[in-house]
Amino acid sequence: MNTDNAKAQMRKGVLEFCILSILSKHDAYASDIIKELKDADLIVVEGTLYPILTRQKNAGLLNYRWEESVLGPPRKYYIITDEGKSVLDELDKSWAELTESVSKLKHSGNS
């Protein structure tokens, strides 16, 4: 089995959850989101991030605002919406249930 592929699929599955989690703490520019994901060992490139941000915005989970930058062109800062916060709450519950289930499976029969 190709474990690299399995690990990549697991990471992909949680990226939307992680992005909403980041934005629930503070508004963020795409590069800041990528940095936070990388700091958590979730390596993501812009080509992966932007389609997710667009999909979440189109679903009403995010909004954005433009801010002038002293370093160049204006920057788009993403903001979680109330609907995004509700979805994040549901994902938090699902994550807790999933990790508990996986933990049970890993440790069952080891008594």
PDB file of N, CA and C in Angstrom:
ATOM      1  N   MET A   1       0.843  -1.186   0.000  1.00  0.00           N
ATOM      2  CA  MET A   1       0.000   0.000   0.000  1.00  0.00           C
ATOM      3  C   MET A   1       0.888   1.249   0.000  1.00  0.00           C
ATOM      4  N   ASN A   2       0.483   2.226  -0.754  1.00  0.00           N
ATOM      5  CA  ASN A   2       1.200   3.503  -0.814  1.00  0.00           C
ATOM      6  C   ASN A   2       0.734   4.377   0.355  1.00  0.00           C
ATOM      7  N   THR A   3       1.503   4.402   1.428  1.00  0.00           N
ATOM      8  CA  THR A   3       1.090   5.179   2.598  1.00  0.00           C
ATOM      9  C   THR A   3       1.131   6.681   2.334  1.00  0.00           C
ATOM     10  N   ASP A   4       2.007   7.134   1.445  1.00  0.00           N
ATOM     11  CA  ASP A   4       2.044   8.569   1.120  1.00  0.00           C
ATOM     12  C   ASP A   4       0.711   9.017   0.546  1.00  0.00           C
ATOM     13  N   ASN A   5       0.126   8.202  -0.320  1.00  0.00           N
ATOM     14  CA  ASN A   5      -1.165   8.532  -0.911  1.00  0.00           C
ATOM     15  C   ASN A   5      -2.255   8.543   0.165  1.00  0.00           C
ATOM     16  N   ALA A   6      -2.242   7.563   1.042  1.00  0.00           N
ATOM     17  CA  ALA A   6      -3.246   7.502   2.108  1.00  0.00           C
ATOM     18  C   ALA A   6      -3.129   8.728   3.015  1.00  0.00           C
ATOM     19  N   LYS A   7      -1.898   9.113   3.364  1.00  0.00           N
ATOM     20  CA  LYS A   7      -1.691  10.285   4.213  1.00  0.00           C
ATOM     21  C   LYS A   7      -2.168  11.556   3.508  1.00  0.00           C
ATOM     22  N   ALA A   8      -1.888  11.668   2.215  1.00  0.00           N
ATOM     23  CA  ALA A   8      -2.320  12.843   1.452  1.00  0.00           C
ATOM     24  C   ALA A   8      -3.841  12.934   1.420  1.00  0.00           C
ATOM     25  N   GLN A   9      -4.514  11.802   1.257  1.00  0.00           N
ATOM     26  CA  GLN A   9      -5.973  11.790   1.231  1.00  0.00           C
ATOM     27  C   GLN A   9      -6.557  12.192   2.582  1.00  0.00           C
ATOM     28  N   MET A  10      -5.919  11.743   3.672  1.00  0.00           N
ATOM     29  CA  MET A  10      -6.390  12.134   5.008  1.00  0.00           C
ATOM     30  C   MET A  10      -6.240  13.636   5.197  1.00  0.00           C
ATOM     31  N   ARG A  11      -5.091  14.186   4.773  1.00  0.00           N
ATOM     32  CA  ARG A  11      -4.875  15.632   4.914  1.00  0.00           C
ATOM     33  C   ARG A  11      -5.898  16.417   4.107  1.00  0.00           C
ATOM     34  N   LYS A  12      -6.149  15.981   2.885  1.00  0.00           N
ATOM     35  CA  LYS A  12      -7.128  16.671   2.037  1.00  0.00           C
ATOM     36  C   LYS A  12      -8.487  16.693   2.706  1.00  0.00           C
ATOM     37  N   GLY A  13      -8.826  15.596   3.350  1.00  0.00           N
ATOM     38  CA  GLY A  13     -10.140  15.478   3.976  1.00  0.00           C
ATOM     39  C   GLY A  13     -10.366  16.439   5.125  1.00  0.00           C
ATOM     40  N   VAL A  14      -9.303  16.920   5.747  1.00  0.00           N
ATOM     41  CA  VAL A  14      -9.470  17.811   6.894  1.00  0.00           C
ATOM     42  C   VAL A  14      -9.111  19.263   6.594  1.00  0.00           C
ATOM     43  N   LEU A  15      -8.672  19.557   5.391  1.00  0.00           N
ATOM     44  CA  LEU A  15      -8.253  20.929   5.075  1.00  0.00           C
ATOM     45  C   LEU A  15      -9.374  21.953   5.233  1.00  0.00           C
ATOM     46  N   GLU A  16     -10.570  21.627   4.760  1.00  0.00           N
ATOM     47  CA  GLU A  16     -11.673  22.587   4.873  1.00  0.00           C
ATOM     48  C   GLU A  16     -11.968  22.879   6.335  1.00  0.00           C
ATOM     49  N   PHE A  17     -11.934  21.845   7.160  1.00  0.00           N
ATOM     50  CA  PHE A  17     -12.131  21.981   8.601  1.00  0.00           C
ATOM     51  C   PHE A  17     -11.031  22.869   9.198  1.00  0.00           C
ATOM     52  N   CYS A  18      -9.780  22.629   8.819  1.00  0.00           N
ATOM     53  CA  CYS A  18      -8.649  23.394   9.348  1.00  0.00           C
ATOM     54  C   CYS A  18      -8.719  24.858   8.937  1.00  0.00           C
ATOM     55  N   ILE A  19      -9.112  25.120   7.706  1.00  0.00           N
ATOM     56  CA  ILE A  19      -9.219  26.500   7.226  1.00  0.00           C
ATOM     57  C   ILE A  19     -10.287  27.254   8.020  1.00  0.00           C
ATOM     58  N   LEU A  20     -11.435  26.632   8.222  1.00  0.00           N
ATOM     59  CA  LEU A  20     -12.479  27.274   9.022  1.00  0.00           C
ATOM     60  C   LEU A  20     -11.998  27.493  10.458  1.00  0.00           C
ATOM     61  N   SER A  21     -11.242  26.537  10.986  1.00  0.00           N
ATOM     62  CA  SER A  21     -10.713  26.679  12.353  1.00  0.00           C
ATOM     63  C   SER A  21      -9.785  27.880  12.453  1.00  0.00           C
ATOM     64  N   ILE A  22      -8.910  28.042  11.476  1.00  0.00           N
ATOM     65  CA  ILE A  22      -7.993  29.191  11.468  1.00  0.00           C
ATOM     66  C   ILE A  22      -8.780  30.494  11.416  1.00  0.00           C
ATOM     67  N   LEU A  23      -9.755  30.549  10.506  1.00  0.00           N
ATOM     68  CA  LEU A  23     -10.507  31.786  10.317  1.00  0.00           C
ATOM     69  C   LEU A  23     -11.466  32.072  11.469  1.00  0.00           C
ATOM     70  N   SER A  24     -11.761  31.072  12.292  1.00  0.00           N
ATOM     71  CA  SER A  24     -12.616  31.325  13.456  1.00  0.00           C
ATOM     72  C   SER A  24     -11.850  32.102  14.525  1.00  0.00           C
ATOM     73  N   LYS A  25     -10.510  32.065  14.447  1.00  0.00           N
ATOM     74  CA  LYS A  25      -9.672  32.766  15.421  1.00  0.00           C
ATOM     75  C   LYS A  25      -9.348  34.187  14.974  1.00  0.00           C
ATOM     76  N   HIS A  26      -9.216  34.376  13.649  1.00  0.00           N
ATOM     77  CA  HIS A  26      -8.863  35.698  13.124  1.00  0.00           C
ATOM     78  C   HIS A  26      -9.044  35.710  11.619  1.00  0.00           C
ATOM     79  N   ASP A  27      -9.299  36.909  11.084  1.00  0.00           N
ATOM     80  CA  ASP A  27      -9.341  37.079   9.639  1.00  0.00           C
ATOM     81  C   ASP A  27      -7.927  36.828   9.114  1.00  0.00           C
ATOM     82  N   ALA A  28      -7.824  36.332   7.888  1.00  0.00           N
ATOM     83  CA  ALA A  28      -6.488  36.003   7.397  1.00  0.00           C
ATOM     84  C   ALA A  28      -6.374  36.154   5.889  1.00  0.00           C
ATOM     85  N   TYR A  29      -5.193  36.530   5.486  1.00  0.00           N
ATOM     86  CA  TYR A  29      -4.762  36.599   4.092  1.00  0.00           C
ATOM     87  C   TYR A  29      -4.347  35.178   3.695  1.00  0.00           C
ATOM     88  N   ALA A  30      -4.492  34.817   2.432  1.00  0.00           N
ATOM     89  CA  ALA A  30      -4.204  33.450   1.990  1.00  0.00           C
ATOM     90  C   ALA A  30      -2.805  32.981   2.398  1.00  0.00           C
ATOM     91  N   SER A  31      -1.811  33.842   2.261  1.00  0.00           N
ATOM     92  CA  SER A  31      -0.446  33.449   2.639  1.00  0.00           C
ATOM     93  C   SER A  31      -0.342  33.141   4.128  1.00  0.00           C
ATOM     94  N   ASP A  32      -1.110  33.871   4.944  1.00  0.00           N
ATOM     95  CA  ASP A  32      -1.117  33.606   6.389  1.00  0.00           C
ATOM     96  C   ASP A  32      -1.750  32.243   6.688  1.00  0.00           C
ATOM     97  N   ILE A  33      -2.807  31.904   5.949  1.00  0.00           N
ATOM     98  CA  ILE A  33      -3.463  30.606   6.127  1.00  0.00           C
ATOM     99  C   ILE A  33      -2.480  29.495   5.769  1.00  0.00           C
ATOM    100  N   ILE A  34      -1.794  29.648   4.645  1.00  0.00           N
ATOM    101  CA  ILE A  34      -0.805  28.647   4.226  1.00  0.00           C
ATOM    102  C   ILE A  34       0.277  28.500   5.285  1.00  0.00           C
ATOM    103  N   LYS A  35       0.756  29.610   5.832  1.00  0.00           N
ATOM    104  CA  LYS A  35       1.798  29.544   6.859  1.00  0.00           C
ATOM    105  C   LYS A  35       1.307  28.789   8.096  1.00  0.00           C
ATOM    106  N   GLU A  36       0.097  29.090   8.543  1.00  0.00           N
ATOM    107  CA  GLU A  36      -0.431  28.390   9.720  1.00  0.00           C
ATOM    108  C   GLU A  36      -0.592  26.898   9.458  1.00  0.00           C
ATOM    109  N   LEU A  37      -1.048  26.549   8.264  1.00  0.00           N
ATOM    110  CA  LEU A  37      -1.185  25.129   7.925  1.00  0.00           C
ATOM    111  C   LEU A  37       0.189  24.460   7.892  1.00  0.00           C
ATOM    112  N   LYS A  38       1.176  25.138   7.288  1.00  0.00           N
ATOM    113  CA  LYS A  38       2.531  24.585   7.244  1.00  0.00           C
ATOM    114  C   LYS A  38       3.115  24.443   8.636  1.00  0.00           C
ATOM    115  N   ASP A  39       2.867  25.428   9.500  1.00  0.00           N
ATOM    116  CA  ASP A  39       3.357  25.363  10.880  1.00  0.00           C
ATOM    117  C   ASP A  39       2.777  24.152  11.616  1.00  0.00           C
ATOM    118  N   ALA A  40       1.604  23.715  11.189  1.00  0.00           N
ATOM    119  CA  ALA A  40       0.956  22.536  11.782  1.00  0.00           C
ATOM    120  C   ALA A  40       1.300  21.264  10.996  1.00  0.00           C
ATOM    121  N   ASP A  41       2.300  21.364  10.112  1.00  0.00           N
ATOM    122  CA  ASP A  41       2.744  20.234   9.285  1.00  0.00           C
ATOM    123  C   ASP A  41       1.705  19.775   8.264  1.00  0.00           C
ATOM    124  N   LEU A  42       0.816  20.678   7.871  1.00  0.00           N
ATOM    125  CA  LEU A  42      -0.118  20.416   6.774  1.00  0.00           C
ATOM    126  C   LEU A  42       0.361  21.261   5.598  1.00  0.00           C
ATOM    127  N   ILE A  43       1.187  20.667   4.768  1.00  0.00           N
ATOM    128  CA  ILE A  43       1.787  21.399   3.656  1.00  0.00           C
ATOM    129  C   ILE A  43       0.737  21.605   2.571  1.00  0.00           C
ATOM    130  N   VAL A  44       0.485  22.873   2.258  1.00  0.00           N
ATOM    131  CA  VAL A  44      -0.533  23.243   1.280  1.00  0.00           C
ATOM    132  C   VAL A  44       0.050  24.320   0.379  1.00  0.00           C
ATOM    133  N   VAL A  45      -0.253  24.225  -0.900  1.00  0.00           N
ATOM    134  CA  VAL A  45       0.175  25.236  -1.858  1.00  0.00           C
ATOM    135  C   VAL A  45      -1.037  26.079  -2.259  1.00  0.00           C
ATOM    136  N   GLU A  46      -0.766  27.230  -2.842  1.00  0.00           N
ATOM    137  CA  GLU A  46      -1.850  28.133  -3.236  1.00  0.00           C
ATOM    138  C   GLU A  46      -2.838  27.452  -4.173  1.00  0.00           C
ATOM    139  N   GLY A  47      -2.335  26.584  -5.058  1.00  0.00           N
ATOM    140  CA  GLY A  47      -3.205  25.896  -6.011  1.00  0.00           C
ATOM    141  C   GLY A  47      -4.199  24.958  -5.346  1.00  0.00           C
ATOM    142  N   THR A  48      -3.924  24.575  -4.116  1.00  0.00           N
ATOM    143  CA  THR A  48      -4.856  23.757  -3.335  1.00  0.00           C
ATOM    144  C   THR A  48      -5.767  24.658  -2.506  1.00  0.00           C
ATOM    145  N   LEU A  49      -5.195  25.712  -1.931  1.00  0.00           N
ATOM    146  CA  LEU A  49      -5.941  26.571  -1.019  1.00  0.00           C
ATOM    147  C   LEU A  49      -7.031  27.383  -1.715  1.00  0.00           C
ATOM    148  N   TYR A  50      -6.693  28.044  -2.810  1.00  0.00           N
ATOM    149  CA  TYR A  50      -7.654  28.957  -3.430  1.00  0.00           C
ATOM    150  C   TYR A  50      -8.957  28.294  -3.872  1.00  0.00           C
ATOM    151  N   PRO A  51      -8.938  27.102  -4.457  1.00  0.00           N
ATOM    152  CA  PRO A  51     -10.226  26.463  -4.792  1.00  0.00           C
ATOM    153  C   PRO A  51     -11.083  26.171  -3.549  1.00  0.00           C
ATOM    154  N   ILE A  52     -10.436  25.817  -2.440  1.00  0.00           N
ATOM    155  CA  ILE A  52     -11.187  25.566  -1.206  1.00  0.00           C
ATOM    156  C   ILE A  52     -11.800  26.865  -0.701  1.00  0.00           C
ATOM    157  N   LEU A  53     -11.012  27.942  -0.685  1.00  0.00           N
ATOM    158  CA  LEU A  53     -11.536  29.237  -0.241  1.00  0.00           C
ATOM    159  C   LEU A  53     -12.703  29.685  -1.120  1.00  0.00           C
ATOM    160  N   THR A  54     -12.576  29.500  -2.427  1.00  0.00           N
ATOM    161  CA  THR A  54     -13.657  29.876  -3.346  1.00  0.00           C
ATOM    162  C   THR A  54     -14.903  29.042  -3.084  1.00  0.00           C
ATOM    163  N   ARG A  55     -14.720  27.748  -2.898  1.00  0.00           N
ATOM    164  CA  ARG A  55     -15.847  26.852  -2.628  1.00  0.00           C
ATOM    165  C   ARG A  55     -16.531  27.246  -1.309  1.00  0.00           C
ATOM    166  N   GLN A  56     -15.737  27.548  -0.285  1.00  0.00           N
ATOM    167  CA  GLN A  56     -16.319  27.932   0.993  1.00  0.00           C
ATOM    168  C   GLN A  56     -17.022  29.288   0.905  1.00  0.00           C
ATOM    169  N   LYS A  57     -16.464  30.206   0.132  1.00  0.00           N
ATOM    170  CA  LYS A  57     -17.122  31.496  -0.037  1.00  0.00           C
ATOM    171  C   LYS A  57     -18.444  31.328  -0.780  1.00  0.00           C
ATOM    172  N   ASN A  58     -18.434  30.526  -1.852  1.00  0.00           N
ATOM    173  CA  ASN A  58     -19.655  30.303  -2.617  1.00  0.00           C
ATOM    174  C   ASN A  58     -20.729  29.595  -1.797  1.00  0.00           C
ATOM    175  N   ALA A  59     -20.306  28.825  -0.801  1.00  0.00           N
ATOM    176  CA  ALA A  59     -21.248  28.123   0.078  1.00  0.00           C
ATOM    177  C   ALA A  59     -21.726  29.019   1.224  1.00  0.00           C
ATOM    178  N   GLY A  60     -21.222  30.251   1.289  1.00  0.00           N
ATOM    179  CA  GLY A  60     -21.644  31.184   2.324  1.00  0.00           C
ATOM    180  C   GLY A  60     -20.921  31.007   3.651  1.00  0.00           C
ATOM    181  N   LEU A  61     -19.831  30.230   3.651  1.00  0.00           N
ATOM    182  CA  LEU A  61     -19.095  29.977   4.887  1.00  0.00           C
ATOM    183  C   LEU A  61     -18.060  31.060   5.167  1.00  0.00           C
ATOM    184  N   LEU A  62     -17.629  31.742   4.107  1.00  0.00           N
ATOM    185  CA  LEU A  62     -16.617  32.794   4.211  1.00  0.00           C
ATOM    186  C   LEU A  62     -17.070  34.025   3.470  1.00  0.00           C
ATOM    187  N   ASN A  63     -16.462  35.115   3.846  1.00  0.00           N
ATOM    188  CA  ASN A  63     -16.583  36.355   3.114  1.00  0.00           C
ATOM    189  C   ASN A  63     -15.174  36.912   3.025  1.00  0.00           C
ATOM    190  N   TYR A  64     -14.991  38.038   2.384  1.00  0.00           N
ATOM    191  CA  TYR A  64     -13.660  38.635   2.347  1.00  0.00           C
ATOM    192  C   TYR A  64     -13.767  40.148   2.262  1.00  0.00           C
ATOM    193  N   ARG A  65     -12.649  40.763   2.582  1.00  0.00           N
ATOM    194  CA  ARG A  65     -12.538  42.214   2.444  1.00  0.00           C
ATOM    195  C   ARG A  65     -11.154  42.514   1.866  1.00  0.00           C
ATOM    196  N   TRP A  66     -11.055  43.632   1.192  1.00  0.00           N
ATOM    197  CA  TRP A  66      -9.767  44.063   0.639  1.00  0.00           C
ATOM    198  C   TRP A  66      -9.130  45.049   1.599  1.00  0.00           C
ATOM    199  N   GLU A  67      -7.823  44.907   1.810  1.00  0.00           N
ATOM    200  CA  GLU A  67      -7.073  45.860   2.630  1.00  0.00           C
ATOM    201  C   GLU A  67      -5.853  46.305   1.851  1.00  0.00           C
ATOM    202  N   GLU A  68      -5.581  47.600   1.922  1.00  0.00           N
ATOM    203  CA  GLU A  68      -4.370  48.127   1.301  1.00  0.00           C
ATOM    204  C   GLU A  68      -3.156  47.535   1.986  1.00  0.00           C
ATOM    205  N   SER A  69      -2.096  47.349   1.218  1.00  0.00           N
ATOM    206  CA  SER A  69      -0.860  46.792   1.761  1.00  0.00           C
ATOM    207  C   SER A  69       0.291  47.740   1.457  1.00  0.00           C
ATOM    208  N   VAL A  70       1.172  47.924   2.425  1.00  0.00           N
ATOM    209  CA  VAL A  70       2.348  48.760   2.187  1.00  0.00           C
ATOM    210  C   VAL A  70       3.371  48.001   1.353  1.00  0.00           C
ATOM    211  N   LEU A  71       3.206  46.693   1.239  1.00  0.00           N
ATOM    212  CA  LEU A  71       4.167  45.858   0.516  1.00  0.00           C
ATOM    213  C   LEU A  71       3.785  45.585  -0.934  1.00  0.00           C
ATOM    214  N   GLY A  72       2.671  46.117  -1.387  1.00  0.00           N
ATOM    215  CA  GLY A  72       2.267  45.840  -2.760  1.00  0.00           C
ATOM    216  C   GLY A  72       0.788  46.090  -2.965  1.00  0.00           C
ATOM    217  N   PRO A  73       0.177  45.276  -3.816  1.00  0.00           N
ATOM    218  CA  PRO A  73      -1.246  45.476  -4.123  1.00  0.00           C
ATOM    219  C   PRO A  73      -2.129  45.155  -2.908  1.00  0.00           C
ATOM    220  N   PRO A  74      -3.388  45.590  -2.960  1.00  0.00           N
ATOM    221  CA  PRO A  74      -4.309  45.281  -1.860  1.00  0.00           C
ATOM    222  C   PRO A  74      -4.400  43.768  -1.633  1.00  0.00           C
ATOM    223  N   ARG A  75      -4.665  43.395  -0.396  1.00  0.00           N
ATOM    224  CA  ARG A  75      -4.754  41.981  -0.029  1.00  0.00           C
ATOM    225  C   ARG A  75      -6.195  41.618   0.317  1.00  0.00           C
ATOM    226  N   LYS A  76      -6.553  40.404  -0.048  1.00  0.00           N
ATOM    227  CA  LYS A  76      -7.879  39.888   0.253  1.00  0.00           C
ATOM    228  C   LYS A  76      -7.800  39.112   1.564  1.00  0.00           C
ATOM    229  N   TYR A  77      -8.525  39.595   2.572  1.00  0.00           N
ATOM    230  CA  TYR A  77      -8.580  38.922   3.863  1.00  0.00           C
ATOM    231  C   TYR A  77      -9.888  38.161   3.979  1.00  0.00           C
ATOM    232  N   TYR A  78      -9.782  36.895   4.343  1.00  0.00           N
ATOM    233  CA  TYR A  78     -10.952  36.034   4.472  1.00  0.00           C
ATOM    234  C   TYR A  78     -11.494  36.098   5.891  1.00  0.00           C
ATOM    235  N   ILE A  79     -12.832  36.042   5.978  1.00  0.00           N
ATOM    236  CA  ILE A  79     -13.555  36.183   7.234  1.00  0.00           C
ATOM    237  C   ILE A  79     -14.583  35.058   7.303  1.00  0.00           C
ATOM    238  N   ILE A  80     -14.655  34.372   8.430  1.00  0.00           N
ATOM    239  CA  ILE A  80     -15.673  33.332   8.582  1.00  0.00           C
ATOM    240  C   ILE A  80     -17.025  34.000   8.838  1.00  0.00           C
ATOM    241  N   THR A  81     -18.085  33.476   8.246  1.00  0.00           N
ATOM    242  CA  THR A  81     -19.437  34.007   8.444  1.00  0.00           C
ATOM    243  C   THR A  81     -20.102  33.255   9.598  1.00  0.00           C
ATOM    244  N   ASP A  82     -21.287  33.721   9.986  1.00  0.00           N
ATOM    245  CA  ASP A  82     -22.042  33.004  11.021  1.00  0.00           C
ATOM    246  C   ASP A  82     -22.364  31.587  10.556  1.00  0.00           C
ATOM    247  N   GLU A  83     -22.712  31.451   9.275  1.00  0.00           N
ATOM    248  CA  GLU A  83     -22.978  30.107   8.741  1.00  0.00           C
ATOM    249  C   GLU A  83     -21.709  29.251   8.802  1.00  0.00           C
ATOM    250  N   GLY A  84     -20.561  29.855   8.501  1.00  0.00           N
ATOM    251  CA  GLY A  84     -19.298  29.140   8.589  1.00  0.00           C
ATOM    252  C   GLY A  84     -19.014  28.681  10.012  1.00  0.00           C
ATOM    253  N   LYS A  85     -19.351  29.527  10.993  1.00  0.00           N
ATOM    254  CA  LYS A  85     -19.166  29.157  12.402  1.00  0.00           C
ATOM    255  C   LYS A  85     -20.062  27.975  12.770  1.00  0.00           C
ATOM    256  N   SER A  86     -21.290  27.963  12.249  1.00  0.00           N
ATOM    257  CA  SER A  86     -22.200  26.845  12.519  1.00  0.00           C
ATOM    258  C   SER A  86     -21.668  25.551  11.906  1.00  0.00           C
ATOM    259  N   VAL A  87     -21.168  25.658  10.681  1.00  0.00           N
ATOM    260  CA  VAL A  87     -20.593  24.485  10.021  1.00  0.00           C
ATOM    261  C   VAL A  87     -19.367  24.012  10.801  1.00  0.00           C
ATOM    262  N   LEU A  88     -18.546  24.936  11.252  1.00  0.00           N
ATOM    263  CA  LEU A  88     -17.368  24.572  12.030  1.00  0.00           C
ATOM    264  C   LEU A  88     -17.761  23.854  13.316  1.00  0.00           C
ATOM    265  N   ASP A  89     -18.814  24.312  13.986  1.00  0.00           N
ATOM    266  CA  ASP A  89     -19.288  23.628  15.193  1.00  0.00           C
ATOM    267  C   ASP A  89     -19.661  22.180  14.882  1.00  0.00           C
ATOM    268  N   GLU A  90     -20.353  21.975  13.767  1.00  0.00           N
ATOM    269  CA  GLU A  90     -20.729  20.611  13.359  1.00  0.00           C
ATOM    270  C   GLU A  90     -19.493  19.776  13.028  1.00  0.00           C
ATOM    271  N   LEU A  91     -18.545  20.382  12.340  1.00  0.00           N
ATOM    272  CA  LEU A  91     -17.309  19.662  12.006  1.00  0.00           C
ATOM    273  C   LEU A  91     -16.513  19.320  13.266  1.00  0.00           C
ATOM    274  N   ASP A  92     -16.509  20.228  14.239  1.00  0.00           N
ATOM    275  CA  ASP A  92     -15.840  19.945  15.518  1.00  0.00           C
ATOM    276  C   ASP A  92     -16.443  18.697  16.163  1.00  0.00           C
ATOM    277  N   LYS A  93     -17.766  18.628  16.187  1.00  0.00           N
ATOM    278  CA  LYS A  93     -18.446  17.460  16.772  1.00  0.00           C
ATOM    279  C   LYS A  93     -18.106  16.198  15.987  1.00  0.00           C
ATOM    280  N   SER A  94     -18.162  16.291  14.675  1.00  0.00           N
ATOM    281  CA  SER A  94     -17.854  15.136  13.837  1.00  0.00           C
ATOM    282  C   SER A  94     -16.423  14.672  14.020  1.00  0.00           C
ATOM    283  N   TRP A  95     -15.496  15.633  14.136  1.00  0.00           N
ATOM    284  CA  TRP A  95     -14.084  15.302  14.336  1.00  0.00           C
ATOM    285  C   TRP A  95     -13.901  14.554  15.657  1.00  0.00           C
ATOM    286  N   ALA A  96     -14.546  15.056  16.714  1.00  0.00           N
ATOM    287  CA  ALA A  96     -14.433  14.407  18.025  1.00  0.00           C
ATOM    288  C   ALA A  96     -14.975  12.981  17.963  1.00  0.00           C
ATOM    289  N   GLU A  97     -16.117  12.797  17.295  1.00  0.00           N
ATOM    290  CA  GLU A  97     -16.702  11.458  17.166  1.00  0.00           C
ATOM    291  C   GLU A  97     -15.793  10.546  16.349  1.00  0.00           C
ATOM    292  N   LEU A  98     -15.250  11.077  15.262  1.00  0.00           N
ATOM    293  CA  LEU A  98     -14.381  10.281  14.391  1.00  0.00           C
ATOM    294  C   LEU A  98     -13.110   9.858  15.111  1.00  0.00           C
ATOM    295  N   THR A  99     -12.464  10.787  15.791  1.00  0.00           N
ATOM    296  CA  THR A  99     -11.220  10.430  16.476  1.00  0.00           C
ATOM    297  C   THR A  99     -11.483   9.447  17.610  1.00  0.00           C
ATOM    298  N   GLU A 100     -12.619   9.578  18.280  1.00  0.00           N
ATOM    299  CA  GLU A 100     -12.975   8.621  19.330  1.00  0.00           C
ATOM    300  C   GLU A 100     -13.204   7.231  18.735  1.00  0.00           C
ATOM    301  N   SER A 101     -13.906   7.173  17.605  1.00  0.00           N
ATOM    302  CA  SER A 101     -14.165   5.886  16.945  1.00  0.00           C
ATOM    303  C   SER A 101     -12.870   5.224  16.486  1.00  0.00           C
ATOM    304  N   VAL A 102     -11.976   6.003  15.883  1.00  0.00           N
ATOM    305  CA  VAL A 102     -10.701   5.453  15.415  1.00  0.00           C
ATOM    306  C   VAL A 102      -9.888   4.955  16.606  1.00  0.00           C
ATOM    307  N   SER A 103      -9.897   5.730  17.674  1.00  0.00           N
ATOM    308  CA  SER A 103      -9.157   5.326  18.871  1.00  0.00           C
ATOM    309  C   SER A 103      -9.700   4.010  19.428  1.00  0.00           C
ATOM    310  N   LYS A 104     -11.014   3.870  19.465  1.00  0.00           N
ATOM    311  CA  LYS A 104     -11.630   2.625  19.944  1.00  0.00           C
ATOM    312  C   LYS A 104     -11.187   1.446  19.080  1.00  0.00           C
ATOM    313  N   LEU A 105     -11.214   1.648  17.770  1.00  0.00           N
ATOM    314  CA  LEU A 105     -10.820   0.573  16.855  1.00  0.00           C
ATOM    315  C   LEU A 105      -9.357   0.194  17.038  1.00  0.00           C
ATOM    316  N   LYS A 106      -8.515   1.181  17.203  1.00  0.00           N
ATOM    317  CA  LYS A 106      -7.077   0.922  17.353  1.00  0.00           C
ATOM    318  C   LYS A 106      -6.787   0.154  18.635  1.00  0.00           C
ATOM    319  N   HIS A 107      -7.567   0.414  19.681  1.00  0.00           N
ATOM    320  CA  HIS A 107      -7.267  -0.164  20.973  1.00  0.00           C
ATOM    321  C   HIS A 107      -8.176  -1.333  21.348  1.00  0.00           C
ATOM    322  N   SER A 108      -9.123  -1.687  20.496  1.00  0.00           N
ATOM    323  CA  SER A 108     -10.000  -2.809  20.815  1.00  0.00           C
ATOM    324  C   SER A 108      -9.229  -4.118  20.712  1.00  0.00           C
ATOM    325  N   GLY A 109      -9.534  -5.031  21.619  1.00  0.00           N
ATOM    326  CA  GLY A 109      -8.868  -6.332  21.617  1.00  0.00           C
ATOM    327  C   GLY A 109      -7.501  -6.301  22.242  1.00  0.00           C
ATOM    328  N   ASN A 110      -7.083  -5.189  22.760  1.00  0.00           N
ATOM    329  CA  ASN A 110      -5.761  -5.080  23.390  1.00  0.00           C
ATOM    330  C   ASN A 110      -5.859  -5.094  24.915  1.00  0.00           C
ATOM    331  N   SER A 111      -6.933  -5.680  25.451  1.00  0.00           N
ATOM    332  CA  SER A 111      -7.078  -5.660  26.910  1.00  0.00           C
ATOM    333  C   SER A 111      -6.308  -6.769  27.553  1.00  0.00           C
TER     334      SER A 111
END
